[in-house]
């Protein structure tokens, strides 16, 4: 399990069993396959590299790290089905090359997943 935080250390999302969940763990936002991030439309939106999530243009959209305290997540059947539907609809399983930048994106992590 990992959490995704912004520059101010606010929790933006949870990565649990390769499912991108909202910060409170109640909604599926997308999935992670390897280091590639996919949105709910099964489109690649970025990549996790060296503890950061980058969007396709290469700007940082979040910091990915282990949570400092235990987080309890319960995936229900609807969440599992939704994440399976995302996975099943992915046609392109590779991520494009991303040239990393040091600046943070002007778009939020959630906006990047839209």
PDB file of N, CA and C in Angstrom:
ATOM      1  N   UNK A   1       0.841  -1.178   0.000  1.00  0.00           N
ATOM      2  CA  UNK A   1       0.000   0.000   0.000  1.00  0.00           C
ATOM      3  C   UNK A   1       0.884   1.238   0.000  1.00  0.00           C
ATOM      4  N   UNK A   2       0.448   2.211  -0.765  1.00  0.00           N
ATOM      5  CA  UNK A   2       1.137   3.492  -0.846  1.00  0.00           C
ATOM      6  C   UNK A   2       0.118   4.618  -0.783  1.00  0.00           C
ATOM      7  N   UNK A   3       0.588   5.780  -0.391  1.00  0.00           N
ATOM      8  CA  UNK A   3      -0.249   6.969  -0.463  1.00  0.00           C
ATOM      9  C   UNK A   3       0.388   7.932  -1.460  1.00  0.00           C
ATOM     10  N   UNK A   4      -0.439   8.768  -2.037  1.00  0.00           N
ATOM     11  CA  UNK A   4       0.018   9.818  -2.943  1.00  0.00           C
ATOM     12  C   UNK A   4      -0.286  11.138  -2.247  1.00  0.00           C
ATOM     13  N   UNK A   5       0.744  11.979  -2.120  1.00  0.00           N
ATOM     14  CA  UNK A   5       0.578  13.263  -1.447  1.00  0.00           C
ATOM     15  C   UNK A   5       0.966  14.401  -2.389  1.00  0.00           C
ATOM     16  N   UNK A   6       0.515  15.600  -2.041  1.00  0.00           N
ATOM     17  CA  UNK A   6       0.889  16.785  -2.816  1.00  0.00           C
ATOM     18  C   UNK A   6       2.093  17.457  -2.156  1.00  0.00           C
ATOM     19  N   UNK A   7       2.449  18.642  -2.640  1.00  0.00           N
ATOM     20  CA  UNK A   7       3.613  19.364  -2.117  1.00  0.00           C
ATOM     21  C   UNK A   7       3.476  19.718  -0.637  1.00  0.00           C
ATOM     22  N   UNK A   8       2.242  19.890  -0.183  1.00  0.00           N
ATOM     23  CA  UNK A   8       2.003  20.246   1.222  1.00  0.00           C
ATOM     24  C   UNK A   8       1.796  19.010   2.099  1.00  0.00           C
ATOM     25  N   UNK A   9       2.061  17.835   1.544  1.00  0.00           N
ATOM     26  CA  UNK A   9       1.914  16.553   2.264  1.00  0.00           C
ATOM     27  C   UNK A   9       0.461  16.165   2.517  1.00  0.00           C
ATOM     28  N   UNK A  10      -0.490  16.788   1.792  1.00  0.00           N
ATOM     29  CA  UNK A  10      -1.891  16.390   1.889  1.00  0.00           C
ATOM     30  C   UNK A  10      -2.077  15.085   1.123  1.00  0.00           C
ATOM     31  N   UNK A  11      -2.777  14.151   1.738  1.00  0.00           N
ATOM     32  CA  UNK A  11      -3.014  12.873   1.074  1.00  0.00           C
ATOM     33  C   UNK A  11      -4.032  13.057  -0.045  1.00  0.00           C
ATOM     34  N   UNK A  12      -3.663  12.621  -1.252  1.00  0.00           N
ATOM     35  CA  UNK A  12      -4.512  12.763  -2.428  1.00  0.00           C
ATOM     36  C   UNK A  12      -5.164  11.452  -2.841  1.00  0.00           C
ATOM     37  N   UNK A  13      -4.464  10.354  -2.612  1.00  0.00           N
ATOM     38  CA  UNK A  13      -4.947   9.056  -3.074  1.00  0.00           C
ATOM     39  C   UNK A  13      -4.224   7.948  -2.321  1.00  0.00           C
ATOM     40  N   UNK A  14      -4.750   6.746  -2.482  1.00  0.00           N
ATOM     41  CA  UNK A  14      -4.157   5.536  -1.922  1.00  0.00           C
ATOM     42  C   UNK A  14      -3.993   4.553  -3.074  1.00  0.00           C
ATOM     43  N   UNK A  15      -2.852   3.894  -3.122  1.00  0.00           N
ATOM     44  CA  UNK A  15      -2.658   2.801  -4.087  1.00  0.00           C
ATOM     45  C   UNK A  15      -2.694   1.520  -3.273  1.00  0.00           C
ATOM     46  N   UNK A  16      -3.739   0.728  -3.489  1.00  0.00           N
ATOM     47  CA  UNK A  16      -3.958  -0.502  -2.724  1.00  0.00           C
ATOM     48  C   UNK A  16      -4.281  -1.615  -3.703  1.00  0.00           C
ATOM     49  N   UNK A  17      -3.433  -2.641  -3.696  1.00  0.00           N
ATOM     50  CA  UNK A  17      -3.605  -3.772  -4.616  1.00  0.00           C
ATOM     51  C   UNK A  17      -3.722  -3.297  -6.062  1.00  0.00           C
ATOM     52  N   UNK A  18      -2.878  -2.331  -6.415  1.00  0.00           N
ATOM     53  CA  UNK A  18      -2.792  -1.752  -7.763  1.00  0.00           C
ATOM     54  C   UNK A  18      -4.026  -0.952  -8.163  1.00  0.00           C
ATOM     55  N   UNK A  19      -4.871  -0.635  -7.220  1.00  0.00           N
ATOM     56  CA  UNK A  19      -6.046   0.185  -7.476  1.00  0.00           C
ATOM     57  C   UNK A  19      -5.790   1.576  -6.910  1.00  0.00           C
ATOM     58  N   UNK A  20      -6.000   2.606  -7.728  1.00  0.00           N
ATOM     59  CA  UNK A  20      -5.888   3.986  -7.259  1.00  0.00           C
ATOM     60  C   UNK A  20      -7.216   4.370  -6.628  1.00  0.00           C
ATOM     61  N   UNK A  21      -7.184   4.649  -5.350  1.00  0.00           N
ATOM     62  CA  UNK A  21      -8.386   4.997  -4.603  1.00  0.00           C
ATOM     63  C   UNK A  21      -8.337   6.447  -4.163  1.00  0.00           C
ATOM     64  N   UNK A  22      -9.502   7.026  -3.944  1.00  0.00           N
ATOM     65  CA  UNK A  22      -9.574   8.382  -3.385  1.00  0.00           C
ATOM     66  C   UNK A  22      -8.881   8.392  -2.025  1.00  0.00           C
ATOM     67  N   UNK A  23      -8.583   9.574  -1.536  1.00  0.00           N
ATOM     68  CA  UNK A  23      -7.843   9.714  -0.278  1.00  0.00           C
ATOM     69  C   UNK A  23      -8.505   8.999   0.891  1.00  0.00           C
ATOM     70  N   UNK A  24      -9.820   8.923   0.871  1.00  0.00           N
ATOM     71  CA  UNK A  24     -10.520   8.232   1.954  1.00  0.00           C
ATOM     72  C   UNK A  24     -10.755   6.750   1.658  1.00  0.00           C
ATOM     73  N   UNK A  25     -10.298   6.291   0.487  1.00  0.00           N
ATOM     74  CA  UNK A  25     -10.411   4.876   0.128  1.00  0.00           C
ATOM     75  C   UNK A  25     -11.784   4.445  -0.329  1.00  0.00           C
ATOM     76  N   UNK A  26     -12.668   5.394  -0.612  1.00  0.00           N
ATOM     77  CA  UNK A  26     -14.045   5.036  -0.932  1.00  0.00           C
ATOM     78  C   UNK A  26     -14.365   4.948  -2.428  1.00  0.00           C
ATOM     79  N   UNK A  27     -13.502   5.515  -3.287  1.00  0.00           N
ATOM     80  CA  UNK A  27     -13.794   5.553  -4.720  1.00  0.00           C
ATOM     81  C   UNK A  27     -12.593   5.111  -5.534  1.00  0.00           C
ATOM     82  N   UNK A  28     -12.861   4.387  -6.610  1.00  0.00           N
ATOM     83  CA  UNK A  28     -11.815   3.994  -7.547  1.00  0.00           C
ATOM     84  C   UNK A  28     -11.535   5.180  -8.469  1.00  0.00           C
ATOM     85  N   UNK A  29     -10.252   5.536  -8.584  1.00  0.00           N
ATOM     86  CA  UNK A  29      -9.841   6.639  -9.453  1.00  0.00           C
ATOM     87  C   UNK A  29      -9.123   6.139 -10.700  1.00  0.00           C
ATOM     88  N   UNK A  30      -8.594   4.935 -10.632  1.00  0.00           N
ATOM     89  CA  UNK A  30      -7.837   4.357 -11.729  1.00  0.00           C
ATOM     90  C   UNK A  30      -7.089   3.136 -11.235  1.00  0.00           C
ATOM     91  N   UNK A  31      -6.092   2.703 -12.006  1.00  0.00           N
ATOM     92  CA  UNK A  31      -5.285   1.558 -11.596  1.00  0.00           C
ATOM     93  C   UNK A  31      -3.824   1.813 -11.934  1.00  0.00           C
ATOM     94  N   UNK A  32      -2.958   1.046 -11.304  1.00  0.00           N
ATOM     95  CA  UNK A  32      -1.524   1.071 -11.596  1.00  0.00           C
ATOM     96  C   UNK A  32      -1.121  -0.304 -12.093  1.00  0.00           C
ATOM     97  N   UNK A  33      -0.429  -0.330 -13.220  1.00  0.00           N
ATOM     98  CA  UNK A  33       0.140  -1.570 -13.738  1.00  0.00           C
ATOM     99  C   UNK A  33       1.642  -1.338 -13.835  1.00  0.00           C
ATOM    100  N   UNK A  34       2.380  -2.049 -13.017  1.00  0.00           N
ATOM    101  CA  UNK A  34       3.815  -1.773 -12.939  1.00  0.00           C
ATOM    102  C   UNK A  34       3.983  -0.357 -12.442  1.00  0.00           C
ATOM    103  N   UNK A  35       4.694   0.455 -13.220  1.00  0.00           N
ATOM    104  CA  UNK A  35       4.872   1.853 -12.829  1.00  0.00           C
ATOM    105  C   UNK A  35       3.980   2.799 -13.628  1.00  0.00           C
ATOM    106  N   UNK A  36       3.079   2.253 -14.448  1.00  0.00           N
ATOM    107  CA  UNK A  36       2.180   3.070 -15.266  1.00  0.00           C
ATOM    108  C   UNK A  36       0.854   3.306 -14.546  1.00  0.00           C
ATOM    109  N   UNK A  37       0.347   4.525 -14.657  1.00  0.00           N
ATOM    110  CA  UNK A  37      -0.924   4.910 -14.044  1.00  0.00           C
ATOM    111  C   UNK A  37      -1.979   5.076 -15.132  1.00  0.00           C
ATOM    112  N   UNK A  38      -3.147   4.492 -14.902  1.00  0.00           N
ATOM    113  CA  UNK A  38      -4.253   4.551 -15.848  1.00  0.00           C
ATOM    114  C   UNK A  38      -5.473   5.163 -15.171  1.00  0.00           C
ATOM    115  N   UNK A  39      -6.216   5.974 -15.923  1.00  0.00           N
ATOM    116  CA  UNK A  39      -7.423   6.580 -15.368  1.00  0.00           C
ATOM    117  C   UNK A  39      -8.619   5.643 -15.550  1.00  0.00           C
ATOM    118  N   UNK A  40      -9.797   6.103 -15.181  1.00  0.00           N
ATOM    119  CA  UNK A  40     -11.000   5.282 -15.261  1.00  0.00           C
ATOM    120  C   UNK A  40     -11.409   4.979 -16.698  1.00  0.00           C
ATOM    121  N   UNK A  41     -10.854   5.740 -17.644  1.00  0.00           N
ATOM    122  CA  UNK A  41     -11.124   5.484 -19.062  1.00  0.00           C
ATOM    123  C   UNK A  41     -10.070   4.574 -19.677  1.00  0.00           C
ATOM    124  N   UNK A  42      -9.258   3.956 -18.843  1.00  0.00           N
ATOM    125  CA  UNK A  42      -8.214   3.015 -19.262  1.00  0.00           C
ATOM    126  C   UNK A  42      -7.115   3.670 -20.083  1.00  0.00           C
ATOM    127  N   UNK A  43      -6.949   4.963 -19.912  1.00  0.00           N
ATOM    128  CA  UNK A  43      -5.924   5.717 -20.630  1.00  0.00           C
ATOM    129  C   UNK A  43      -4.734   5.960 -19.714  1.00  0.00           C
ATOM    130  N   UNK A  44      -3.523   5.749 -20.231  1.00  0.00           N
ATOM    131  CA  UNK A  44      -2.330   6.010 -19.437  1.00  0.00           C
ATOM    132  C   UNK A  44      -2.217   7.516 -19.201  1.00  0.00           C
ATOM    133  N   UNK A  45      -2.017   7.879 -17.931  1.00  0.00           N
ATOM    134  CA  UNK A  45      -1.933   9.309 -17.594  1.00  0.00           C
ATOM    135  C   UNK A  45      -0.591   9.673 -16.983  1.00  0.00           C
ATOM    136  N   UNK A  46       0.222   8.674 -16.678  1.00  0.00           N
ATOM    137  CA  UNK A  46       1.504   8.978 -16.074  1.00  0.00           C
ATOM    138  C   UNK A  46       2.241   7.746 -15.625  1.00  0.00           C
ATOM    139  N   UNK A  47       3.273   8.003 -14.833  1.00  0.00           N
ATOM    140  CA  UNK A  47       4.177   6.944 -14.427  1.00  0.00           C
ATOM    141  C   UNK A  47       4.748   7.258 -13.054  1.00  0.00           C
ATOM    142  N   UNK A  48       5.034   6.225 -12.282  1.00  0.00           N
ATOM    143  CA  UNK A  48       5.698   6.385 -10.991  1.00  0.00           C
ATOM    144  C   UNK A  48       7.182   6.108 -11.195  1.00  0.00           C
ATOM    145  N   UNK A  49       8.011   7.100 -10.858  1.00  0.00           N
ATOM    146  CA  UNK A  49       9.458   6.979 -11.012  1.00  0.00           C
ATOM    147  C   UNK A  49      10.120   7.590  -9.782  1.00  0.00           C
ATOM    148  N   UNK A  50      10.977   6.828  -9.142  1.00  0.00           N
ATOM    149  CA  UNK A  50      11.755   7.309  -7.993  1.00  0.00           C
ATOM    150  C   UNK A  50      10.890   7.982  -6.921  1.00  0.00           C
ATOM    151  N   UNK A  51       9.746   7.372  -6.617  1.00  0.00           N
ATOM    152  CA  UNK A  51       8.902   7.872  -5.534  1.00  0.00           C
ATOM    153  C   UNK A  51       8.010   9.042  -5.875  1.00  0.00           C
ATOM    154  N   UNK A  52       7.918   9.383  -7.150  1.00  0.00           N
ATOM    155  CA  UNK A  52       7.026  10.465  -7.576  1.00  0.00           C
ATOM    156  C   UNK A  52       6.153   9.991  -8.717  1.00  0.00           C
ATOM    157  N   UNK A  53       4.938  10.522  -8.778  1.00  0.00           N
ATOM    158  CA  UNK A  53       4.040  10.277  -9.904  1.00  0.00           C
ATOM    159  C   UNK A  53       4.193  11.448 -10.865  1.00  0.00           C
ATOM    160  N   UNK A  54       4.478  11.138 -12.106  1.00  0.00           N
ATOM    161  CA  UNK A  54       4.655  12.151 -13.150  1.00  0.00           C
ATOM    162  C   UNK A  54       3.544  12.012 -14.180  1.00  0.00           C
ATOM    163  N   UNK A  55       3.088  13.136 -14.712  1.00  0.00           N
ATOM    164  CA  UNK A  55       2.139  13.083 -15.819  1.00  0.00           C
ATOM    165  C   UNK A  55       2.923  12.889 -17.117  1.00  0.00           C
ATOM    166  N   UNK A  56       2.227  12.728 -18.226  1.00  0.00           N
ATOM    167  CA  UNK A  56       2.883  12.477 -19.509  1.00  0.00           C
ATOM    168  C   UNK A  56       3.850  13.609 -19.908  1.00  0.00           C
ATOM    169  N   UNK A  57       3.495  14.888 -19.667  1.00  0.00           N
ATOM    170  CA  UNK A  57       4.466  15.954 -19.984  1.00  0.00           C
ATOM    171  C   UNK A  57       5.706  15.951 -19.085  1.00  0.00           C
ATOM    172  N   UNK A  58       5.689  15.159 -18.001  1.00  0.00           N
ATOM    173  CA  UNK A  58       6.867  15.036 -17.144  1.00  0.00           C
ATOM    174  C   UNK A  58       6.856  15.843 -15.878  1.00  0.00           C
ATOM    175  N   UNK A  59       5.761  16.565 -15.600  1.00  0.00           N
ATOM    176  CA  UNK A  59       5.700  17.320 -14.348  1.00  0.00           C
ATOM    177  C   UNK A  59       5.175  16.416 -13.231  1.00  0.00           C
ATOM    178  N   UNK A  60       5.515  16.754 -12.021  1.00  0.00           N
ATOM    179  CA  UNK A  60       5.156  15.944 -10.857  1.00  0.00           C
ATOM    180  C   UNK A  60       3.687  16.175 -10.503  1.00  0.00           C
ATOM    181  N   UNK A  61       2.952  15.076 -10.306  1.00  0.00           N
ATOM    182  CA  UNK A  61       1.550  15.187  -9.896  1.00  0.00           C
ATOM    183  C   UNK A  61       1.322  14.623  -8.493  1.00  0.00           C
ATOM    184  N   UNK A  62       2.357  14.030  -7.906  1.00  0.00           N
ATOM    185  CA  UNK A  62       2.219  13.520  -6.548  1.00  0.00           C
ATOM    186  C   UNK A  62       3.479  12.821  -6.083  1.00  0.00           C
ATOM    187  N   UNK A  63       3.619  12.729  -4.792  1.00  0.00           N
ATOM    188  CA  UNK A  63       4.704  11.957  -4.190  1.00  0.00           C
ATOM    189  C   UNK A  63       4.113  10.637  -3.729  1.00  0.00           C
ATOM    190  N   UNK A  64       4.766   9.539  -4.054  1.00  0.00           N
ATOM    191  CA  UNK A  64       4.274   8.202  -3.719  1.00  0.00           C
ATOM    192  C   UNK A  64       5.165   7.633  -2.627  1.00  0.00           C
ATOM    193  N   UNK A  65       4.543   7.289  -1.490  1.00  0.00           N
ATOM    194  CA  UNK A  65       5.314   6.804  -0.359  1.00  0.00           C
ATOM    195  C   UNK A  65       4.500   5.856   0.499  1.00  0.00           C
ATOM    196  N   UNK A  66       5.180   5.132   1.342  1.00  0.00           N
ATOM    197  CA  UNK A  66       4.490   4.262   2.297  1.00  0.00           C
ATOM    198  C   UNK A  66       3.812   5.132   3.349  1.00  0.00           C
ATOM    199  N   UNK A  67       2.622   4.741   3.794  1.00  0.00           N
ATOM    200  CA  UNK A  67       1.949   5.541   4.821  1.00  0.00           C
ATOM    201  C   UNK A  67       2.698   5.470   6.149  1.00  0.00           C
ATOM    202  N   UNK A  68       2.667   6.563   6.899  1.00  0.00           N
ATOM    203  CA  UNK A  68       3.350   6.598   8.194  1.00  0.00           C
ATOM    204  C   UNK A  68       2.569   5.852   9.276  1.00  0.00           C
ATOM    205  N   UNK A  69       1.286   5.656   9.038  1.00  0.00           N
ATOM    206  CA  UNK A  69       0.465   4.888   9.967  1.00  0.00           C
ATOM    207  C   UNK A  69      -0.424   3.935   9.183  1.00  0.00           C
ATOM    208  N   UNK A  70      -0.938   2.966   9.871  1.00  0.00           N
ATOM    209  CA  UNK A  70      -1.758   1.940   9.236  1.00  0.00           C
ATOM    210  C   UNK A  70      -3.058   2.533   8.681  1.00  0.00           C
ATOM    211  N   UNK A  71      -3.414   2.102   7.482  1.00  0.00           N
ATOM    212  CA  UNK A  71      -4.671   2.518   6.850  1.00  0.00           C
ATOM    213  C   UNK A  71      -5.472   1.266   6.571  1.00  0.00           C
ATOM    214  N   UNK A  72      -6.705   1.267   7.008  1.00  0.00           N
ATOM    215  CA  UNK A  72      -7.568   0.110   6.776  1.00  0.00           C
ATOM    216  C   UNK A  72      -8.427   0.370   5.532  1.00  0.00           C
ATOM    217  N   UNK A  73      -8.298  -0.501   4.548  1.00  0.00           N
ATOM    218  CA  UNK A  73      -9.064  -0.383   3.309  1.00  0.00           C
ATOM    219  C   UNK A  73      -9.887  -1.645   3.123  1.00  0.00           C
ATOM    220  N   UNK A  74     -11.145  -1.462   2.817  1.00  0.00           N
ATOM    221  CA  UNK A  74     -12.002  -2.592   2.455  1.00  0.00           C
ATOM    222  C   UNK A  74     -12.524  -2.363   1.051  1.00  0.00           C
ATOM    223  N   UNK A  75     -12.098  -3.224   0.135  1.00  0.00           N
ATOM    224  CA  UNK A  75     -12.590  -3.143  -1.234  1.00  0.00           C
ATOM    225  C   UNK A  75     -13.897  -3.920  -1.320  1.00  0.00           C
ATOM    226  N   UNK A  76     -14.943  -3.256  -1.808  1.00  0.00           N
ATOM    227  CA  UNK A  76     -16.208  -3.961  -1.970  1.00  0.00           C
ATOM    228  C   UNK A  76     -16.301  -4.514  -3.392  1.00  0.00           C
ATOM    229  N   UNK A  77     -17.311  -5.285  -3.663  1.00  0.00           N
ATOM    230  CA  UNK A  77     -17.476  -5.928  -4.978  1.00  0.00           C
ATOM    231  C   UNK A  77     -17.566  -4.909  -6.099  1.00  0.00           C
ATOM    232  N   UNK A  78     -18.248  -3.798  -5.864  1.00  0.00           N
ATOM    233  CA  UNK A  78     -18.366  -2.766  -6.899  1.00  0.00           C
ATOM    234  C   UNK A  78     -17.003  -2.171  -7.243  1.00  0.00           C
ATOM    235  N   UNK A  79     -16.180  -1.955  -6.233  1.00  0.00           N
ATOM    236  CA  UNK A  79     -14.850  -1.397  -6.471  1.00  0.00           C
ATOM    237  C   UNK A  79     -13.978  -2.382  -7.253  1.00  0.00           C
ATOM    238  N   UNK A  80     -14.057  -3.649  -6.893  1.00  0.00           N
ATOM    239  CA  UNK A  80     -13.289  -4.667  -7.603  1.00  0.00           C
ATOM    240  C   UNK A  80     -13.753  -4.789  -9.049  1.00  0.00           C
ATOM    241  N   UNK A  81     -15.051  -4.731  -9.255  1.00  0.00           N
ATOM    242  CA  UNK A  81     -15.596  -4.814 -10.608  1.00  0.00           C
ATOM    243  C   UNK A  81     -15.168  -3.597 -11.433  1.00  0.00           C
ATOM    244  N   UNK A  82     -15.238  -2.420 -10.833  1.00  0.00           N
ATOM    245  CA  UNK A  82     -14.846  -1.202 -11.530  1.00  0.00           C
ATOM    246  C   UNK A  82     -13.369  -1.242 -11.927  1.00  0.00           C
ATOM    247  N   UNK A  83     -12.515  -1.677 -11.018  1.00  0.00           N
ATOM    248  CA  UNK A  83     -11.089  -1.752 -11.338  1.00  0.00           C
ATOM    249  C   UNK A  83     -10.826  -2.835 -12.389  1.00  0.00           C
ATOM    250  N   UNK A  84     -11.548  -3.938 -12.331  1.00  0.00           N
ATOM    251  CA  UNK A  84     -11.403  -4.986 -13.344  1.00  0.00           C
ATOM    252  C   UNK A  84     -11.849  -4.463 -14.712  1.00  0.00           C
ATOM    253  N   UNK A  85     -12.903  -3.682 -14.750  1.00  0.00           N
ATOM    254  CA  UNK A  85     -13.369  -3.108 -16.020  1.00  0.00           C
ATOM    255  C   UNK A  85     -12.328  -2.169 -16.623  1.00  0.00           C
ATOM    256  N   UNK A  86     -11.666  -1.396 -15.770  1.00  0.00           N
ATOM    257  CA  UNK A  86     -10.590  -0.519 -16.246  1.00  0.00           C
ATOM    258  C   UNK A  86      -9.476  -1.371 -16.858  1.00  0.00           C
ATOM    259  N   UNK A  87      -9.050  -2.374 -16.110  1.00  0.00           N
ATOM    260  CA  UNK A  87      -7.978  -3.249 -16.572  1.00  0.00           C
ATOM    261  C   UNK A  87      -8.345  -3.941 -17.882  1.00  0.00           C
ATOM    262  N   UNK A  88      -9.550  -4.443 -17.963  1.00  0.00           N
ATOM    263  CA  UNK A  88     -10.000  -5.178 -19.156  1.00  0.00           C
ATOM    264  C   UNK A  88     -10.059  -4.295 -20.400  1.00  0.00           C
ATOM    265  N   UNK A  89     -10.274  -3.008 -20.212  1.00  0.00           N
ATOM    266  CA  UNK A  89     -10.420  -2.092 -21.347  1.00  0.00           C
ATOM    267  C   UNK A  89      -9.089  -1.508 -21.828  1.00  0.00           C
ATOM    268  N   UNK A  90      -8.002  -1.780 -21.114  1.00  0.00           N
ATOM    269  CA  UNK A  90      -6.704  -1.239 -21.524  1.00  0.00           C
ATOM    270  C   UNK A  90      -6.228  -1.970 -22.768  1.00  0.00           C
ATOM    271  N   UNK A  91      -5.986  -1.203 -23.811  1.00  0.00           N
ATOM    272  CA  UNK A  91      -5.503  -1.772 -25.075  1.00  0.00           C
ATOM    273  C   UNK A  91      -4.008  -1.546 -25.255  1.00  0.00           C
ATOM    274  N   UNK A  92      -3.509  -0.455 -24.711  1.00  0.00           N
ATOM    275  CA  UNK A  92      -2.085  -0.114 -24.816  1.00  0.00           C
ATOM    276  C   UNK A  92      -1.469  -0.270 -23.431  1.00  0.00           C
ATOM    277  N   UNK A  93      -0.650  -1.313 -23.264  1.00  0.00           N
ATOM    278  CA  UNK A  93      -0.106  -1.636 -21.947  1.00  0.00           C
ATOM    279  C   UNK A  93       1.262  -1.023 -21.673  1.00  0.00           C
ATOM    280  N   UNK A  94       1.744  -0.207 -22.571  1.00  0.00           N
ATOM    281  CA  UNK A  94       3.049   0.413 -22.355  1.00  0.00           C
ATOM    282  C   UNK A  94       2.878   1.907 -22.115  1.00  0.00           C
ATOM    283  N   UNK A  95       3.798   2.458 -21.365  1.00  0.00           N
ATOM    284  CA  UNK A  95       3.785   3.892 -21.091  1.00  0.00           C
ATOM    285  C   UNK A  95       4.702   4.592 -22.089  1.00  0.00           C
ATOM    286  N   UNK A  96       4.322   5.780 -22.492  1.00  0.00           N
ATOM    287  CA  UNK A  96       5.237   6.544 -23.352  1.00  0.00           C
ATOM    288  C   UNK A  96       6.461   6.983 -22.544  1.00  0.00           C
ATOM    289  N   UNK A  97       7.518   7.312 -23.255  1.00  0.00           N
ATOM    290  CA  UNK A  97       8.711   7.829 -22.592  1.00  0.00           C
ATOM    291  C   UNK A  97       8.374   9.171 -21.955  1.00  0.00           C
ATOM    292  N   UNK A  98       8.780   9.355 -20.724  1.00  0.00           N
ATOM    293  CA  UNK A  98       8.515  10.605 -20.017  1.00  0.00           C
ATOM    294  C   UNK A  98       9.842  11.257 -19.674  1.00  0.00           C
ATOM    295  N   UNK A  99      10.006  12.491 -20.095  1.00  0.00           N
ATOM    296  CA  UNK A  99      11.188  13.272 -19.739  1.00  0.00           C
ATOM    297  C   UNK A  99      10.870  14.012 -18.438  1.00  0.00           C
ATOM    298  N   UNK A 100      11.530  13.609 -17.379  1.00  0.00           N
ATOM    299  CA  UNK A 100      11.215  14.121 -16.051  1.00  0.00           C
ATOM    300  C   UNK A 100      11.610  15.582 -15.880  1.00  0.00           C
ATOM    301  N   UNK A 101      10.718  16.309 -15.228  1.00  0.00           N
ATOM    302  CA  UNK A 101      10.970  17.705 -14.871  1.00  0.00           C
ATOM    303  C   UNK A 101      10.969  17.801 -13.347  1.00  0.00           C
ATOM    304  N   UNK A 102      11.484  18.886 -12.836  1.00  0.00           N
ATOM    305  CA  UNK A 102      11.550  19.041 -11.381  1.00  0.00           C
ATOM    306  C   UNK A 102      10.370  19.824 -10.828  1.00  0.00           C
ATOM    307  N   UNK A 103       9.588  20.449 -11.699  1.00  0.00           N
ATOM    308  CA  UNK A 103       8.472  21.251 -11.206  1.00  0.00           C
ATOM    309  C   UNK A 103       7.193  20.415 -11.079  1.00  0.00           C
ATOM    310  N   UNK A 104       6.337  20.885 -10.202  1.00  0.00           N
ATOM    311  CA  UNK A 104       5.043  20.252  -9.993  1.00  0.00           C
ATOM    312  C   UNK A 104       4.063  20.746 -11.056  1.00  0.00           C
ATOM    313  N   UNK A 105       3.159  19.883 -11.418  1.00  0.00           N
ATOM    314  CA  UNK A 105       2.144  20.222 -12.405  1.00  0.00           C
ATOM    315  C   UNK A 105       1.187  21.265 -11.833  1.00  0.00           C
ATOM    316  N   UNK A 106       0.643  22.088 -12.709  1.00  0.00           N
ATOM    317  CA  UNK A 106      -0.399  23.034 -12.296  1.00  0.00           C
ATOM    318  C   UNK A 106      -1.733  22.307 -12.117  1.00  0.00           C
ATOM    319  N   UNK A 107      -1.854  21.111 -12.707  1.00  0.00           N
ATOM    320  CA  UNK A 107      -3.057  20.284 -12.544  1.00  0.00           C
ATOM    321  C   UNK A 107      -2.913  19.428 -11.303  1.00  0.00           C
ATOM    322  N   UNK A 108      -4.018  19.188 -10.637  1.00  0.00           N
ATOM    323  CA  UNK A 108      -3.993  18.332  -9.458  1.00  0.00           C
ATOM    324  C   UNK A 108      -3.898  16.866  -9.880  1.00  0.00           C
ATOM    325  N   UNK A 109      -3.605  16.019  -8.919  1.00  0.00           N
ATOM    326  CA  UNK A 109      -3.552  14.575  -9.182  1.00  0.00           C
ATOM    327  C   UNK A 109      -4.895  14.098  -9.708  1.00  0.00           C
ATOM    328  N   UNK A 110      -5.978  14.534  -9.079  1.00  0.00           N
ATOM    329  CA  UNK A 110      -7.332  14.138  -9.507  1.00  0.00           C
ATOM    330  C   UNK A 110      -7.619  14.623 -10.916  1.00  0.00           C
ATOM    331  N   UNK A 111      -7.244  15.863 -11.229  1.00  0.00           N
ATOM    332  CA  UNK A 111      -7.445  16.392 -12.574  1.00  0.00           C
ATOM    333  C   UNK A 111      -6.669  15.603 -13.610  1.00  0.00           C
ATOM    334  N   UNK A 112      -5.474  15.155 -13.242  1.00  0.00           N
ATOM    335  CA  UNK A 112      -4.655  14.355 -14.161  1.00  0.00           C
ATOM    336  C   UNK A 112      -5.322  13.026 -14.498  1.00  0.00           C
ATOM    337  N   UNK A 113      -6.122  12.539 -13.576  1.00  0.00           N
ATOM    338  CA  UNK A 113      -6.825  11.269 -13.795  1.00  0.00           C
ATOM    339  C   UNK A 113      -8.115  11.438 -14.603  1.00  0.00           C
ATOM    340  N   UNK A 114      -8.493  12.672 -14.875  1.00  0.00           N
ATOM    341  CA  UNK A 114      -9.739  12.931 -15.638  1.00  0.00           C
ATOM    342  C   UNK A 114      -9.571  12.610 -17.102  1.00  0.00           C
TER     343      UNK A 114
END
